[in-house]
Amino acid sequence: MNIALIAGEGILPVEIAKRLNSIQDSTLIFTLRNDPEALEPYAGKLIRMRTPNLGRGLRELKSFGANKLIMAGRIPKKLIYFMPFLFDGLTRSVLKKSLRDDHSLLGSVVKAFESGGIEVIPYWQILPEFIASQGKLTKREPAPSEFADIECAEKVLRVTLPCSFGQAICVAGGAVVAIEAMEGTDMMIKRAGTLAGRGVVVKMMREDQDLRYDLPTVGTKTLENMHEAGLTCLAVESSRTLILEPEKFFALADKYKIAVWGI
């Protein structure tokens, strides 16, 4: 088994690269990051791409002898949706055939790799200890008012998620303060802080979402942003959410008295 990695922004791809480096002799890593040096210690070969290039990706994978692939981390949606003229022919062809939502787009990319003989595997298999469990995850349990807001948020997300937006939402006192769109969870949290300065954050994934990619992820940055925004509770789906750097995460949540709950 030879697993390669496509690494977007964030901590998750670095954690995956570290784990791959510990379980196999050499790892091929593609990245569009502005700080590729963060991945260099864990790469047998590091390829920095300015824009997505499926044609080159498939050629490099076959040349390296990689037969499996993990895709993780954020890739700017502005680049994907609004600058297709920068891509190679195969990438443009794949994107043109997909609907303009994250789920369809990522699914089309996965099919392109699979058509080339590369198996795309879920990153939670590499980091099983990062998967959120059910129920109370921190010293403080959500207050009754926070549980009520979690329930309200779940009802809203059940409607928005099938439309491929709103993976995260902030609710305060039964009112929707902010819902995540193209800007991402962190910017949504900051916006909620500006609008209300209180509330809970709930993060979920659509029912039919492929668990091989785009699994909801939270980390210490999520908590820092919540603390600055005045948000006091975070609820995530158990078995369907990755918690990055779990020890640091839960220590920080307890320090800020942010309740974390596994739905």
C-alpha atoms as a PDB file:
ATOM      1  CA  MET A   1       0.000   0.000   0.000  1.00  0.00           C
ATOM      2  CA  ASN A   2       1.320   3.417  -0.992  1.00  0.00           C
ATOM      3  CA  ILE A   3      -0.896   6.316   0.086  1.00  0.00           C
ATOM      4  CA  ALA A   4      -0.485   9.800  -1.379  1.00  0.00           C
ATOM      5  CA  LEU A   5      -1.946  13.029  -0.007  1.00  0.00           C
ATOM      6  CA  ILE A   6      -3.526  16.110  -1.532  1.00  0.00           C
ATOM      7  CA  ALA A   7      -3.036  18.736   1.165  1.00  0.00           C
ATOM      8  CA  GLY A   8      -5.119  21.890   1.402  1.00  0.00           C
ATOM      9  CA  GLU A   9      -4.963  24.540   4.110  1.00  0.00           C
ATOM     10  CA  GLY A  10      -5.245  23.885   7.841  1.00  0.00           C
ATOM     11  CA  ILE A  11      -3.792  21.591  10.486  1.00  0.00           C
ATOM     12  CA  LEU A  12      -5.520  18.404   9.315  1.00  0.00           C
ATOM     13  CA  PRO A  13      -3.295  17.735   6.254  1.00  0.00           C
ATOM     14  CA  VAL A  14      -0.173  18.183   8.387  1.00  0.00           C
ATOM     15  CA  GLU A  15      -1.469  15.695  10.961  1.00  0.00           C
ATOM     16  CA  ILE A  16      -2.250  13.211   8.186  1.00  0.00           C
ATOM     17  CA  ALA A  17       1.194  13.725   6.630  1.00  0.00           C
ATOM     18  CA  LYS A  18       2.812  13.004  10.007  1.00  0.00           C
ATOM     19  CA  ARG A  19       0.832   9.790  10.396  1.00  0.00           C
ATOM     20  CA  LEU A  20       1.549   8.625   6.851  1.00  0.00           C
ATOM     21  CA  ASN A  21       5.242   9.307   7.419  1.00  0.00           C
ATOM     22  CA  SER A  22       5.121   6.975  10.426  1.00  0.00           C
ATOM     23  CA  ILE A  23       3.395   4.071   8.665  1.00  0.00           C
ATOM     24  CA  GLN A  24       5.031   4.006   5.225  1.00  0.00           C
ATOM     25  CA  ASP A  25       8.486   4.541   3.795  1.00  0.00           C
ATOM     26  CA  SER A  26       7.765   7.500   1.543  1.00  0.00           C
ATOM     27  CA  THR A  27       4.759   9.725   0.844  1.00  0.00           C
ATOM     28  CA  LEU A  28       3.905  11.723  -2.257  1.00  0.00           C
ATOM     29  CA  ILE A  29       2.240  14.997  -1.251  1.00  0.00           C
ATOM     30  CA  PHE A  30       0.544  17.527  -3.515  1.00  0.00           C
ATOM     31  CA  THR A  31      -0.267  20.920  -2.076  1.00  0.00           C
ATOM     32  CA  LEU A  32      -1.705  24.301  -2.987  1.00  0.00           C
ATOM     33  CA  ARG A  33      -0.745  25.760   0.405  1.00  0.00           C
ATOM     34  CA  ASN A  34       1.132  29.009   0.823  1.00  0.00           C
ATOM     35  CA  ASP A  35       3.359  27.276   3.409  1.00  0.00           C
ATOM     36  CA  PRO A  36       4.463  24.025   1.743  1.00  0.00           C
ATOM     37  CA  GLU A  37       7.418  23.928   4.144  1.00  0.00           C
ATOM     38  CA  ALA A  38       4.981  22.700   6.829  1.00  0.00           C
ATOM     39  CA  LEU A  39       4.738  19.433   4.888  1.00  0.00           C
ATOM     40  CA  GLU A  40       8.352  19.016   3.769  1.00  0.00           C
ATOM     41  CA  PRO A  41       9.531  16.970   6.803  1.00  0.00           C
ATOM     42  CA  TYR A  42       6.946  14.287   6.038  1.00  0.00           C
ATOM     43  CA  ALA A  43       7.149  14.089   2.252  1.00  0.00           C
ATOM     44  CA  GLY A  44       9.173  11.676   0.165  1.00  0.00           C
ATOM     45  CA  LYS A  45       8.240  13.958  -2.718  1.00  0.00           C
ATOM     46  CA  LEU A  46       6.451  17.285  -2.363  1.00  0.00           C
ATOM     47  CA  ILE A  47       4.753  18.856  -5.374  1.00  0.00           C
ATOM     48  CA  ARG A  48       3.450  22.394  -5.051  1.00  0.00           C
ATOM     49  CA  MET A  49       0.699  23.287  -7.512  1.00  0.00           C
ATOM     50  CA  ARG A  50      -0.447  26.841  -8.116  1.00  0.00           C
ATOM     51  CA  THR A  51      -3.871  25.581  -9.276  1.00  0.00           C
ATOM     52  CA  PRO A  52      -5.599  22.169  -9.269  1.00  0.00           C
ATOM     53  CA  ASN A  53      -4.221  19.959 -12.049  1.00  0.00           C
ATOM     54  CA  LEU A  54      -5.802  16.496 -12.253  1.00  0.00           C
ATOM     55  CA  GLY A  55      -3.844  15.526 -15.350  1.00  0.00           C
ATOM     56  CA  ARG A  56      -0.487  16.077 -13.707  1.00  0.00           C
ATOM     57  CA  GLY A  57      -1.758  14.563 -10.465  1.00  0.00           C
ATOM     58  CA  LEU A  58      -2.625  11.269 -12.118  1.00  0.00           C
ATOM     59  CA  ARG A  59       0.722  11.136 -13.941  1.00  0.00           C
ATOM     60  CA  GLU A  60       2.688  11.805 -10.739  1.00  0.00           C
ATOM     61  CA  LEU A  61       0.683   9.237  -8.748  1.00  0.00           C
ATOM     62  CA  LYS A  62       1.380   6.502 -11.285  1.00  0.00           C
ATOM     63  CA  SER A  63       5.048   7.467 -11.568  1.00  0.00           C
ATOM     64  CA  PHE A  64       5.442   7.354  -7.779  1.00  0.00           C
ATOM     65  CA  GLY A  65       3.658   4.010  -7.536  1.00  0.00           C
ATOM     66  CA  ALA A  66       0.872   5.348  -5.305  1.00  0.00           C
ATOM     67  CA  ASN A  67      -2.377   3.387  -5.515  1.00  0.00           C
ATOM     68  CA  LYS A  68      -4.361   5.156  -2.782  1.00  0.00           C
ATOM     69  CA  LEU A  69      -5.072   8.826  -2.127  1.00  0.00           C
ATOM     70  CA  ILE A  70      -6.278  10.994   0.745  1.00  0.00           C
ATOM     71  CA  MET A  71      -7.723  14.457   0.080  1.00  0.00           C
ATOM     72  CA  ALA A  72      -7.776  16.789   3.094  1.00  0.00           C
ATOM     73  CA  GLY A  73      -7.750  20.469   3.964  1.00  0.00           C
ATOM     74  CA  ARG A  74      -9.340  23.609   2.595  1.00  0.00           C
ATOM     75  CA  ILE A  75      -8.960  24.685  -1.018  1.00  0.00           C
ATOM     76  CA  PRO A  76     -10.208  28.239  -1.708  1.00  0.00           C
ATOM     77  CA  LYS A  77     -13.708  27.981  -3.166  1.00  0.00           C
ATOM     78  CA  LYS A  78     -13.208  31.257  -4.994  1.00  0.00           C
ATOM     79  CA  LEU A  79     -10.482  29.533  -7.010  1.00  0.00           C
ATOM     80  CA  ILE A  80     -12.615  26.476  -7.774  1.00  0.00           C
ATOM     81  CA  TYR A  81     -15.834  28.233  -8.709  1.00  0.00           C
ATOM     82  CA  PHE A  82     -14.707  31.467 -10.288  1.00  0.00           C
ATOM     83  CA  MET A  83     -11.287  30.856 -11.881  1.00  0.00           C
ATOM     84  CA  PRO A  84     -11.619  27.630 -13.941  1.00  0.00           C
ATOM     85  CA  PHE A  85      -9.633  29.194 -16.780  1.00  0.00           C
ATOM     86  CA  LEU A  86      -6.497  28.590 -14.669  1.00  0.00           C
ATOM     87  CA  PHE A  87      -6.938  24.801 -14.696  1.00  0.00           C
ATOM     88  CA  ASP A  88      -5.652  22.096 -17.031  1.00  0.00           C
ATOM     89  CA  GLY A  89      -7.980  20.521 -19.588  1.00  0.00           C
ATOM     90  CA  LEU A  90      -8.904  17.460 -17.511  1.00  0.00           C
ATOM     91  CA  THR A  91      -9.742  19.542 -14.433  1.00  0.00           C
ATOM     92  CA  ARG A  92     -11.882  21.921 -16.481  1.00  0.00           C
ATOM     93  CA  SER A  93     -13.684  18.967 -18.031  1.00  0.00           C
ATOM     94  CA  VAL A  94     -14.405  17.377 -14.641  1.00  0.00           C
ATOM     95  CA  LEU A  95     -15.642  20.619 -13.070  1.00  0.00           C
ATOM     96  CA  LYS A  96     -17.810  21.435 -16.071  1.00  0.00           C
ATOM     97  CA  LYS A  97     -19.715  18.158 -15.654  1.00  0.00           C
ATOM     98  CA  SER A  98     -20.415  18.651 -11.925  1.00  0.00           C
ATOM     99  CA  LEU A  99     -23.107  20.713 -10.258  1.00  0.00           C
ATOM    100  CA  ARG A 100     -21.951  23.922  -8.591  1.00  0.00           C
ATOM    101  CA  ASP A 101     -21.943  22.617  -5.030  1.00  0.00           C
ATOM    102  CA  ASP A 102     -19.157  21.185  -2.880  1.00  0.00           C
ATOM    103  CA  HIS A 103     -20.590  17.662  -2.673  1.00  0.00           C
ATOM    104  CA  SER A 104     -20.972  17.234  -6.447  1.00  0.00           C
ATOM    105  CA  LEU A 105     -17.645  18.893  -7.193  1.00  0.00           C
ATOM    106  CA  LEU A 106     -15.644  16.723  -4.810  1.00  0.00           C
ATOM    107  CA  GLY A 107     -17.493  13.631  -5.995  1.00  0.00           C
ATOM    108  CA  SER A 108     -16.500  14.411  -9.588  1.00  0.00           C
ATOM    109  CA  VAL A 109     -12.853  14.807  -8.580  1.00  0.00           C
ATOM    110  CA  VAL A 110     -12.935  11.479  -6.746  1.00  0.00           C
ATOM    111  CA  LYS A 111     -14.448   9.742  -9.801  1.00  0.00           C
ATOM    112  CA  ALA A 112     -11.676  11.187 -11.981  1.00  0.00           C
ATOM    113  CA  PHE A 113      -8.993   9.683  -9.735  1.00  0.00           C
ATOM    114  CA  GLU A 114     -10.822   6.365  -9.504  1.00  0.00           C
ATOM    115  CA  SER A 115     -11.130   6.234 -13.295  1.00  0.00           C
ATOM    116  CA  GLY A 116      -7.349   6.540 -13.348  1.00  0.00           C
ATOM    117  CA  GLY A 117      -6.969   3.522 -11.040  1.00  0.00           C
ATOM    118  CA  ILE A 118      -6.416   5.471  -7.794  1.00  0.00           C
ATOM    119  CA  GLU A 119      -8.529   4.576  -4.743  1.00  0.00           C
ATOM    120  CA  VAL A 120      -9.587   7.557  -2.630  1.00  0.00           C
ATOM    121  CA  ILE A 121      -9.715   6.545   1.046  1.00  0.00           C
ATOM    122  CA  PRO A 122     -11.163   8.332   4.117  1.00  0.00           C
ATOM    123  CA  TYR A 123      -8.703  10.197   6.299  1.00  0.00           C
ATOM    124  CA  TRP A 124     -10.436   9.118   9.508  1.00  0.00           C
ATOM    125  CA  GLN A 125      -8.916   5.673   8.937  1.00  0.00           C
ATOM    126  CA  ILE A 126      -5.493   7.260   9.408  1.00  0.00           C
ATOM    127  CA  LEU A 127      -6.506   9.262  12.508  1.00  0.00           C
ATOM    128  CA  PRO A 128      -9.211   7.180  14.253  1.00  0.00           C
ATOM    129  CA  GLU A 129      -8.472   8.714  17.666  1.00  0.00           C
ATOM    130  CA  PHE A 130      -9.541  12.129  16.325  1.00  0.00           C
ATOM    131  CA  ILE A 131     -13.183  11.049  15.780  1.00  0.00           C
ATOM    132  CA  ALA A 132     -15.687  12.748  18.101  1.00  0.00           C
ATOM    133  CA  SER A 133     -17.607  10.508  20.491  1.00  0.00           C
ATOM    134  CA  GLN A 134     -21.175  10.931  21.711  1.00  0.00           C
ATOM    135  CA  GLY A 135     -22.476  13.006  24.618  1.00  0.00           C
ATOM    136  CA  LYS A 136     -20.517  15.155  27.062  1.00  0.00           C
ATOM    137  CA  LEU A 137     -16.957  15.769  25.816  1.00  0.00           C
ATOM    138  CA  THR A 138     -15.816  18.514  28.219  1.00  0.00           C
ATOM    139  CA  LYS A 139     -16.030  19.212  31.939  1.00  0.00           C
ATOM    140  CA  ARG A 140     -19.002  21.512  31.433  1.00  0.00           C
ATOM    141  CA  GLU A 141     -22.220  20.098  30.007  1.00  0.00           C
ATOM    142  CA  PRO A 142     -24.423  22.405  27.911  1.00  0.00           C
ATOM    143  CA  ALA A 143     -26.967  24.377  29.931  1.00  0.00           C
ATOM    144  CA  PRO A 144     -30.699  23.784  29.264  1.00  0.00           C
ATOM    145  CA  SER A 145     -30.854  26.939  27.120  1.00  0.00           C
ATOM    146  CA  GLU A 146     -27.839  25.724  25.103  1.00  0.00           C
ATOM    147  CA  PHE A 147     -29.459  22.315  24.584  1.00  0.00           C
ATOM    148  CA  ALA A 148     -32.545  24.123  23.274  1.00  0.00           C
ATOM    149  CA  ASP A 149     -30.390  26.079  20.813  1.00  0.00           C
ATOM    150  CA  ILE A 150     -28.617  22.879  19.725  1.00  0.00           C
ATOM    151  CA  GLU A 151     -31.999  21.313  18.964  1.00  0.00           C
ATOM    152  CA  CYS A 152     -33.061  24.408  17.027  1.00  0.00           C
ATOM    153  CA  ALA A 153     -29.810  24.399  15.041  1.00  0.00           C
ATOM    154  CA  GLU A 154     -30.204  20.718  14.157  1.00  0.00           C
ATOM    155  CA  LYS A 155     -33.660  21.358  12.708  1.00  0.00           C
ATOM    156  CA  VAL A 156     -32.331  24.163  10.504  1.00  0.00           C
ATOM    157  CA  LEU A 157     -29.304  22.153   9.342  1.00  0.00           C
ATOM    158  CA  ARG A 158     -31.519  19.214   8.333  1.00  0.00           C
ATOM    159  CA  VAL A 159     -33.027  21.609   5.781  1.00  0.00           C
ATOM    160  CA  THR A 160     -29.910  23.465   4.595  1.00  0.00           C
ATOM    161  CA  LEU A 161     -27.412  20.604   4.399  1.00  0.00           C
ATOM    162  CA  PRO A 162     -29.126  18.787   1.504  1.00  0.00           C
ATOM    163  CA  CYS A 163     -28.686  22.049  -0.424  1.00  0.00           C
ATOM    164  CA  SER A 164     -24.884  21.773   0.132  1.00  0.00           C
ATOM    165  CA  PHE A 165     -24.460  24.798   2.348  1.00  0.00           C
ATOM    166  CA  GLY A 166     -24.708  25.528   6.035  1.00  0.00           C
ATOM    167  CA  GLN A 167     -22.373  22.895   7.472  1.00  0.00           C
ATOM    168  CA  ALA A 168     -22.148  25.074  10.589  1.00  0.00           C
ATOM    169  CA  ILE A 169     -24.642  27.427  12.216  1.00  0.00           C
ATOM    170  CA  CYS A 170     -24.822  29.754  15.210  1.00  0.00           C
ATOM    171  CA  VAL A 171     -28.081  29.977  17.184  1.00  0.00           C
ATOM    172  CA  ALA A 172     -28.780  32.195  20.200  1.00  0.00           C
ATOM    173  CA  GLY A 173     -32.052  32.168  22.132  1.00  0.00           C
ATOM    174  CA  GLY A 174     -33.776  30.163  19.400  1.00  0.00           C
ATOM    175  CA  ALA A 175     -32.797  32.650  16.666  1.00  0.00           C
ATOM    176  CA  VAL A 176     -30.449  31.856  13.781  1.00  0.00           C
ATOM    177  CA  VAL A 177     -27.586  34.353  14.075  1.00  0.00           C
ATOM    178  CA  ALA A 178     -25.363  33.141  11.241  1.00  0.00           C
ATOM    179  CA  ILE A 179     -25.022  30.174   8.910  1.00  0.00           C
ATOM    180  CA  GLU A 180     -21.897  29.070   7.088  1.00  0.00           C
ATOM    181  CA  ALA A 181     -21.630  29.646   3.354  1.00  0.00           C
ATOM    182  CA  MET A 182     -18.543  29.993   1.165  1.00  0.00           C
ATOM    183  CA  GLU A 183     -16.570  31.885   3.826  1.00  0.00           C
ATOM    184  CA  GLY A 184     -16.078  28.838   6.085  1.00  0.00           C
ATOM    185  CA  THR A 185     -16.774  28.109   9.753  1.00  0.00           C
ATOM    186  CA  ASP A 186     -14.190  30.467  11.257  1.00  0.00           C
ATOM    187  CA  MET A 187     -15.490  33.514   9.402  1.00  0.00           C
ATOM    188  CA  MET A 188     -19.067  32.521  10.239  1.00  0.00           C
ATOM    189  CA  ILE A 189     -18.162  32.401  13.933  1.00  0.00           C
ATOM    190  CA  LYS A 190     -16.576  35.847  13.761  1.00  0.00           C
ATOM    191  CA  ARG A 191     -19.669  37.207  12.024  1.00  0.00           C
ATOM    192  CA  ALA A 192     -21.892  35.696  14.724  1.00  0.00           C
ATOM    193  CA  GLY A 193     -19.787  37.400  17.376  1.00  0.00           C
ATOM    194  CA  THR A 194     -20.289  40.750  15.683  1.00  0.00           C
ATOM    195  CA  LEU A 195     -24.032  40.221  15.303  1.00  0.00           C
ATOM    196  CA  ALA A 196     -24.937  38.709  18.680  1.00  0.00           C
ATOM    197  CA  GLY A 197     -21.887  38.089  20.858  1.00  0.00           C
ATOM    198  CA  ARG A 198     -23.453  34.926  22.288  1.00  0.00           C
ATOM    199  CA  GLY A 199     -24.884  31.585  21.242  1.00  0.00           C
ATOM    200  CA  VAL A 200     -23.995  28.013  20.331  1.00  0.00           C
ATOM    201  CA  VAL A 201     -22.271  26.620  17.256  1.00  0.00           C
ATOM    202  CA  VAL A 202     -23.488  23.372  15.721  1.00  0.00           C
ATOM    203  CA  LYS A 203     -21.561  21.643  12.951  1.00  0.00           C
ATOM    204  CA  MET A 204     -22.920  18.699  10.962  1.00  0.00           C
ATOM    205  CA  MET A 205     -22.650  17.022   7.557  1.00  0.00           C
ATOM    206  CA  ARG A 206     -25.302  16.117   5.005  1.00  0.00           C
ATOM    207  CA  GLU A 207     -26.809  12.636   5.334  1.00  0.00           C
ATOM    208  CA  ASP A 208     -25.458  11.332   2.021  1.00  0.00           C
ATOM    209  CA  GLN A 209     -22.040  12.987   2.243  1.00  0.00           C
ATOM    210  CA  ASP A 210     -19.148  10.716   1.311  1.00  0.00           C
ATOM    211  CA  LEU A 211     -17.117   9.958   4.450  1.00  0.00           C
ATOM    212  CA  ARG A 212     -13.929   9.706   2.374  1.00  0.00           C
ATOM    213  CA  TYR A 213     -13.587  13.472   2.126  1.00  0.00           C
ATOM    214  CA  ASP A 214     -14.824  16.761   3.564  1.00  0.00           C
ATOM    215  CA  LEU A 215     -15.554  15.361   7.016  1.00  0.00           C
ATOM    216  CA  PRO A 216     -16.422  18.276   9.353  1.00  0.00           C
ATOM    217  CA  THR A 217     -13.394  19.297  11.391  1.00  0.00           C
ATOM    218  CA  VAL A 218     -12.923  21.416  14.515  1.00  0.00           C
ATOM    219  CA  GLY A 219      -9.773  22.403  16.378  1.00  0.00           C
ATOM    220  CA  THR A 220      -8.240  24.889  18.781  1.00  0.00           C
ATOM    221  CA  LYS A 221      -8.726  27.690  16.243  1.00  0.00           C
ATOM    222  CA  THR A 222     -12.463  26.999  16.353  1.00  0.00           C
ATOM    223  CA  LEU A 223     -12.421  27.443  20.133  1.00  0.00           C
ATOM    224  CA  GLU A 224     -10.266  30.583  19.976  1.00  0.00           C
ATOM    225  CA  ASN A 225     -12.690  32.169  17.534  1.00  0.00           C
ATOM    226  CA  MET A 226     -15.686  31.133  19.633  1.00  0.00           C
ATOM    227  CA  HIS A 227     -14.128  32.570  22.772  1.00  0.00           C
ATOM    228  CA  GLU A 228     -13.411  35.893  21.070  1.00  0.00           C
ATOM    229  CA  ALA A 229     -16.955  35.942  19.666  1.00  0.00           C
ATOM    230  CA  GLY A 230     -18.592  35.183  23.034  1.00  0.00           C
ATOM    231  CA  LEU A 231     -20.000  31.807  21.923  1.00  0.00           C
ATOM    232  CA  THR A 232     -20.180  29.278  24.750  1.00  0.00           C
ATOM    233  CA  CYS A 233     -21.157  25.886  23.351  1.00  0.00           C
ATOM    234  CA  LEU A 234     -20.099  23.687  20.411  1.00  0.00           C
ATOM    235  CA  ALA A 235     -22.045  20.638  19.228  1.00  0.00           C
ATOM    236  CA  VAL A 236     -20.680  18.237  16.602  1.00  0.00           C
ATOM    237  CA  GLU A 237     -21.829  14.942  15.150  1.00  0.00           C
ATOM    238  CA  SER A 238     -20.338  11.928  16.884  1.00  0.00           C
ATOM    239  CA  SER A 239     -18.538   9.472  14.580  1.00  0.00           C
ATOM    240  CA  ARG A 240     -18.778  12.056  11.758  1.00  0.00           C
ATOM    241  CA  THR A 241     -16.504  14.859  13.013  1.00  0.00           C
ATOM    242  CA  LEU A 242     -12.735  15.098  13.433  1.00  0.00           C
ATOM    243  CA  ILE A 243     -11.356  16.892  16.489  1.00  0.00           C
ATOM    244  CA  LEU A 244      -7.813  18.036  15.715  1.00  0.00           C
ATOM    245  CA  GLU A 245      -5.135  17.837  18.420  1.00  0.00           C
ATOM    246  CA  PRO A 246      -7.672  16.390  20.895  1.00  0.00           C
ATOM    247  CA  GLU A 247      -5.641  16.911  24.072  1.00  0.00           C
ATOM    248  CA  LYS A 248      -4.993  20.593  23.321  1.00  0.00           C
ATOM    249  CA  PHE A 249      -8.564  21.016  22.112  1.00  0.00           C
ATOM    250  CA  PHE A 250     -10.279  19.731  25.250  1.00  0.00           C
ATOM    251  CA  ALA A 251      -7.843  21.498  27.588  1.00  0.00           C
ATOM    252  CA  LEU A 252      -8.599  24.792  25.831  1.00  0.00           C
ATOM    253  CA  ALA A 253     -12.356  24.164  25.854  1.00  0.00           C
ATOM    254  CA  ASP A 254     -12.228  23.602  29.618  1.00  0.00           C
ATOM    255  CA  LYS A 255     -10.096  26.704  30.091  1.00  0.00           C
ATOM    256  CA  TYR A 256     -12.647  28.841  28.206  1.00  0.00           C
ATOM    257  CA  LYS A 257     -15.584  26.963  29.806  1.00  0.00           C
ATOM    258  CA  ILE A 258     -16.904  26.112  26.340  1.00  0.00           C
ATOM    259  CA  ALA A 259     -19.185  23.073  26.503  1.00  0.00           C
ATOM    260  CA  VAL A 260     -18.567  20.549  23.704  1.00  0.00           C
ATOM    261  CA  TRP A 261     -21.294  18.004  22.984  1.00  0.00           C
ATOM    262  CA  GLY A 262     -21.340  15.021  20.615  1.00  0.00           C
ATOM    263  CA  ILE A 263     -24.707  14.735  18.881  1.00  0.00           C
END
